[in-house]
Protein backbone atom coordinates (compact mmCIF):
# COMPACT_ATOMS: atom_id res chain seq x y z
CA UNK A 1 -6.23 -9.59 44.85
CA UNK A 2 -4.46 -6.46 43.63
CA UNK A 3 -1.31 -8.50 42.89
CA UNK A 4 -3.38 -10.90 40.78
CA UNK A 5 -4.85 -8.04 38.78
CA UNK A 6 -1.40 -6.51 38.28
CA UNK A 7 0.10 -9.83 37.15
CA UNK A 8 -2.84 -10.43 34.86
CA UNK A 9 -2.52 -6.93 33.37
CA UNK A 10 1.21 -7.44 32.81
CA UNK A 11 0.57 -10.84 31.25
CA UNK A 12 -2.11 -9.40 28.96
CA UNK A 13 0.19 -6.53 27.98
CA UNK A 14 2.92 -9.07 27.19
CA UNK A 15 0.57 -11.04 24.91
CA UNK A 16 -0.62 -7.89 23.17
CA UNK A 17 2.93 -6.65 22.56
CA UNK A 18 4.02 -10.05 21.24
CA UNK A 19 1.06 -10.16 18.86
CA UNK A 20 1.89 -6.64 17.66
CA UNK A 21 5.49 -7.72 17.00
CA UNK A 22 4.31 -10.77 15.07
CA UNK A 23 1.87 -8.65 13.05
CA UNK A 24 4.77 -6.38 12.06
CA UNK A 25 6.90 -9.39 11.15
CA UNK A 26 4.01 -10.73 9.05
CA UNK A 27 3.73 -7.39 7.25
CA UNK A 28 7.48 -7.41 6.59
CA UNK A 29 7.32 -10.95 5.16
CA UNK A 30 4.34 -10.00 2.99
CA UNK A 31 6.33 -7.03 1.67
CA UNK A 32 9.24 -9.34 0.81
CA UNK A 33 6.91 -11.76 -0.97
CA UNK A 34 5.41 -8.88 -2.95
CA UNK A 35 8.94 -7.82 -3.94
CA UNK A 36 9.76 -11.34 -5.17
CA UNK A 37 6.57 -11.42 -7.26
CA UNK A 38 7.41 -7.99 -8.69
CA UNK A 39 10.90 -9.16 -9.64
CA UNK A 40 9.50 -12.32 -11.24
CA UNK A 41 6.98 -10.23 -13.19
CA UNK A 42 9.74 -7.89 -14.34
CA UNK A 43 11.58 -10.92 -15.71
CA UNK A 44 8.49 -12.03 -17.65
CA UNK A 45 7.00 -14.68 -15.36
CA UNK A 46 3.21 -14.87 -15.00
CA UNK A 47 2.64 -14.21 -11.30
CA UNK A 48 -0.99 -15.39 -11.37
CA UNK A 49 0.18 -18.80 -12.50
CA UNK A 50 2.98 -18.76 -9.94
CA UNK A 51 0.44 -18.08 -7.18
CA UNK A 52 -1.70 -20.99 -8.41
CA UNK A 53 1.33 -23.30 -8.36
CA UNK A 54 2.23 -22.21 -4.84
CA UNK A 55 -1.35 -22.83 -3.69
CA UNK A 56 -1.28 -26.29 -5.29
CA UNK A 57 2.08 -27.15 -3.74
CA UNK A 58 0.68 -26.39 -0.28
CA UNK A 59 -2.02 -29.04 -0.74
CA UNK A 60 -1.46 -32.67 0.05
CA UNK A 61 -1.40 -35.01 -2.93
CA UNK A 62 -4.91 -36.41 -2.45
CA UNK A 63 -6.53 -32.97 -2.16
CA UNK A 64 -4.62 -31.69 -5.18
CA UNK A 65 -5.60 -34.72 -7.25
CA UNK A 66 -9.26 -34.37 -6.23
CA UNK A 67 -9.26 -30.68 -7.14
CA UNK A 68 -7.65 -31.36 -10.52
CA UNK A 69 -10.24 -34.08 -11.25
CA UNK A 70 -13.09 -31.73 -10.35
CA UNK A 71 -11.63 -28.98 -12.50
CA UNK A 72 -11.29 -31.37 -15.44
CA UNK A 73 -14.87 -32.58 -14.96
CA UNK A 74 -16.25 -29.03 -14.79
CA UNK A 75 -14.30 -28.01 -17.88
CA UNK A 76 -15.59 -31.04 -19.78
CA UNK A 77 -19.22 -30.35 -18.75
CA UNK A 78 -18.85 -26.72 -19.87
CA UNK A 79 -17.29 -27.72 -23.21
CA UNK A 80 -13.91 -26.26 -22.31
CA UNK A 81 -12.03 -29.54 -22.73
CA UNK A 82 -10.88 -31.53 -25.74
CA UNK A 83 -12.33 -34.66 -24.16
CA UNK A 84 -15.86 -35.71 -25.08
CA UNK A 85 -18.50 -36.06 -22.36
């Protein structure tokens, strides 16, 4: 039984350490992304719009089309569109 507990403890420690490594890698990647946005902003690009484009590019075509249709409908209902209701 003691061997099982020891193996389990070692296995748990291994998982925890791997997760900690991945969390650090994630932080490093997030820092790099922030740097890219900062450079783009320094060159005059609108980073809010860039983030929206990236979010849209992650969506599949059907979901993106549905979201764009809903946005257009909401804008039209609120009088924020050139199109008549």
